[in-house]
Structures are given as C-alpha cells and as structure tokens.
Amino acid sequence: MATKPPQPKDRVVYAEFGAATERPPATERPDLHPQQQNLKVQAARKGRKGKTVTVISGFEASAATLAELGKKLKAQCGSGGTVKAQTIEIQGDHRPQVMQILSQLGYPVKLSGG
C-alpha cells in the first residue's frame, strides 16, 4: 500500500486581495520612505457578513509604524478598524477620504477594484 507524502500544515489555499505571502515578519522589516511604497485602496465585503471595510495594502513598514498610521486614519475617518498582516482595515467605505489623507502624508495611492 502506497502512502502519501505529508502535506505542509501552513499551505495557502486561498488568499484575498493584499494577503501577505512569503514576506518576513513586520518586526524585521525596515521602514521604507512613503514615496517608495505603492499602496492600494479598495472596499471589500467578502467574509465580513455584508459589512463594507476599506482595505489599504502594500505597506513596507514595521508594525509600530502601521499601528500609528492606522490610529491616525481611524481618527480622521471617525470609525473603527484594525491592522492585519501589512494591511490596514477601516470600517465603512472611506476610500476617497483615506486616499486624500495618505496622499497628504506622501504615499502614492491607487484605487483598486470597483
């Protein structure tokens, strides 16, 4: 009887937009200058029970920098949110406002999705 080779437990089966793959942990990452980063902003509803969130991805920064930026964006938008795996999620559809704030901070921002 032939046996199957063991499958790795951390194998990625599905990854949504902006999911981090093959990247070192955020604590080891150096902060790039804002103009050297390419950020994408999109509104997503998948896996959130129909609730819309604004997802900002493409960051190349440490966890502390992301937490600080996330806090600033949440305060400016007047809503909650979280920082997950090099992405920032803001509750609600705040794409124009988030793009304006990030542009003022010097980040090149692109609108992604519909």
Protein backbone atom coordinates (compact mmCIF):
# COMPACT_ATOMS: atom_id res chain seq x y z
CA MET A 1 0.00 0.00 0.00
CA ALA A 2 1.45 3.38 -1.06
CA THR A 3 1.48 6.20 1.45
CA LYS A 4 1.05 9.85 0.56
CA PRO A 5 3.82 12.29 1.42
CA PRO A 6 2.93 14.57 4.35
CA GLN A 7 1.34 17.89 3.35
CA PRO A 8 2.58 21.08 4.99
CA LYS A 9 0.11 22.48 7.53
CA ASP A 10 0.75 26.13 6.63
CA ARG A 11 -0.04 25.77 2.92
CA VAL A 12 -2.02 28.72 1.50
CA VAL A 13 -5.20 27.51 -0.19
CA TYR A 14 -6.86 30.88 -0.78
CA ALA A 15 -5.60 34.42 -0.28
CA GLU A 16 -7.74 37.54 -0.59
CA PHE A 17 -6.51 40.82 -2.09
CA GLY A 18 -3.48 42.16 -0.28
CA ALA A 19 -2.71 38.96 1.64
CA ALA A 20 0.91 38.71 2.73
CA THR A 21 2.78 35.78 1.19
CA GLU A 22 6.45 34.89 1.53
CA ARG A 23 7.30 38.05 3.48
CA PRO A 24 9.40 38.33 6.63
CA PRO A 25 7.58 39.30 9.83
CA ALA A 26 6.82 43.00 10.23
CA THR A 27 9.21 43.34 13.17
CA GLU A 28 12.17 42.56 10.89
CA ARG A 29 11.07 44.95 8.15
CA PRO A 30 12.77 48.32 7.74
CA ASP A 31 10.52 51.31 7.19
CA LEU A 32 10.63 52.49 3.59
CA HIS A 33 10.11 56.14 2.78
CA PRO A 34 6.42 56.82 1.99
CA GLN A 35 7.23 57.74 -1.64
CA GLN A 36 8.86 54.32 -2.18
CA GLN A 37 5.71 52.40 -1.26
CA ASN A 38 2.86 51.55 -3.63
CA LEU A 39 -0.42 51.46 -1.72
CA LYS A 40 -3.74 50.12 -2.98
CA VAL A 41 -7.08 51.16 -1.50
CA GLN A 42 -10.21 49.10 -2.04
CA ALA A 43 -13.59 48.44 -0.46
CA ALA A 44 -14.19 44.79 0.44
CA ARG A 45 -17.19 42.86 1.75
CA LYS A 46 -16.12 39.22 1.44
CA GLY A 47 -16.07 37.30 4.70
CA ARG A 48 -17.46 40.21 6.68
CA LYS A 49 -21.18 39.33 6.76
CA GLY A 50 -22.03 42.03 4.20
CA LYS A 51 -20.28 44.83 6.05
CA THR A 52 -18.04 47.07 3.92
CA VAL A 53 -14.48 47.83 5.01
CA THR A 54 -11.82 49.95 3.35
CA VAL A 55 -8.64 47.89 2.90
CA ILE A 56 -5.27 49.61 2.42
CA SER A 57 -2.48 47.24 1.39
CA GLY A 58 1.05 47.36 0.02
CA PHE A 59 2.81 48.69 3.11
CA GLU A 60 6.51 48.00 3.64
CA ALA A 61 6.78 49.19 7.22
CA SER A 62 7.20 47.97 10.78
CA ALA A 63 4.27 47.02 12.97
CA ALA A 64 4.69 50.13 15.13
CA THR A 65 4.54 52.43 12.11
CA LEU A 66 1.45 50.66 10.79
CA ALA A 67 -0.27 50.86 14.17
CA GLU A 68 0.42 54.60 14.36
CA LEU A 69 -0.83 55.20 10.81
CA GLY A 70 -3.91 53.03 11.44
CA LYS A 71 -4.75 55.04 14.55
CA LYS A 72 -4.45 58.29 12.59
CA LEU A 73 -6.66 57.02 9.75
CA LYS A 74 -9.32 55.70 12.14
CA ALA A 75 -9.45 59.05 13.95
CA GLN A 76 -9.70 61.04 10.69
CA CYS A 77 -12.47 58.75 9.35
CA GLY A 78 -14.32 58.62 12.68
CA SER A 79 -14.65 54.84 12.64
CA GLY A 80 -13.03 51.68 13.94
CA GLY A 81 -10.57 49.41 12.22
CA THR A 82 -7.59 47.11 12.60
CA VAL A 83 -4.08 46.39 11.37
CA LYS A 84 -3.59 42.89 9.96
CA ALA A 85 -0.58 41.42 8.11
CA GLN A 86 0.72 44.59 6.46
CA THR A 87 -2.79 45.89 5.73
CA ILE A 88 -4.99 48.43 7.46
CA GLU A 89 -8.76 47.89 7.54
CA ILE A 90 -11.10 50.80 8.27
CA GLN A 91 -14.78 50.03 8.96
CA GLY A 92 -17.05 51.51 6.29
CA ASP A 93 -16.42 52.81 2.78
CA HIS A 94 -13.93 55.66 3.28
CA ARG A 95 -11.92 55.29 0.05
CA PRO A 96 -11.86 58.98 -1.06
CA GLN A 97 -11.05 60.24 2.44
CA VAL A 98 -8.32 57.62 3.02
CA MET A 99 -6.75 58.34 -0.37
CA GLN A 100 -6.68 62.07 0.40
CA ILE A 101 -5.11 61.57 3.85
CA LEU A 102 -2.43 59.16 2.55
CA SER A 103 -1.61 61.48 -0.38
CA GLN A 104 -1.10 64.36 2.07
CA LEU A 105 1.29 62.14 4.04
CA GLY A 106 3.33 61.50 0.89
CA TYR A 107 2.17 57.98 -0.03
CA PRO A 108 1.44 57.20 -3.70
CA VAL A 109 -2.07 55.69 -3.63
CA LYS A 110 -4.09 53.84 -6.27
CA LEU A 111 -7.77 52.95 -6.16
CA SER A 112 -8.24 49.24 -6.72
CA GLY A 113 -11.43 47.36 -7.52
CA GLY A 114 -14.83 48.78 -8.37
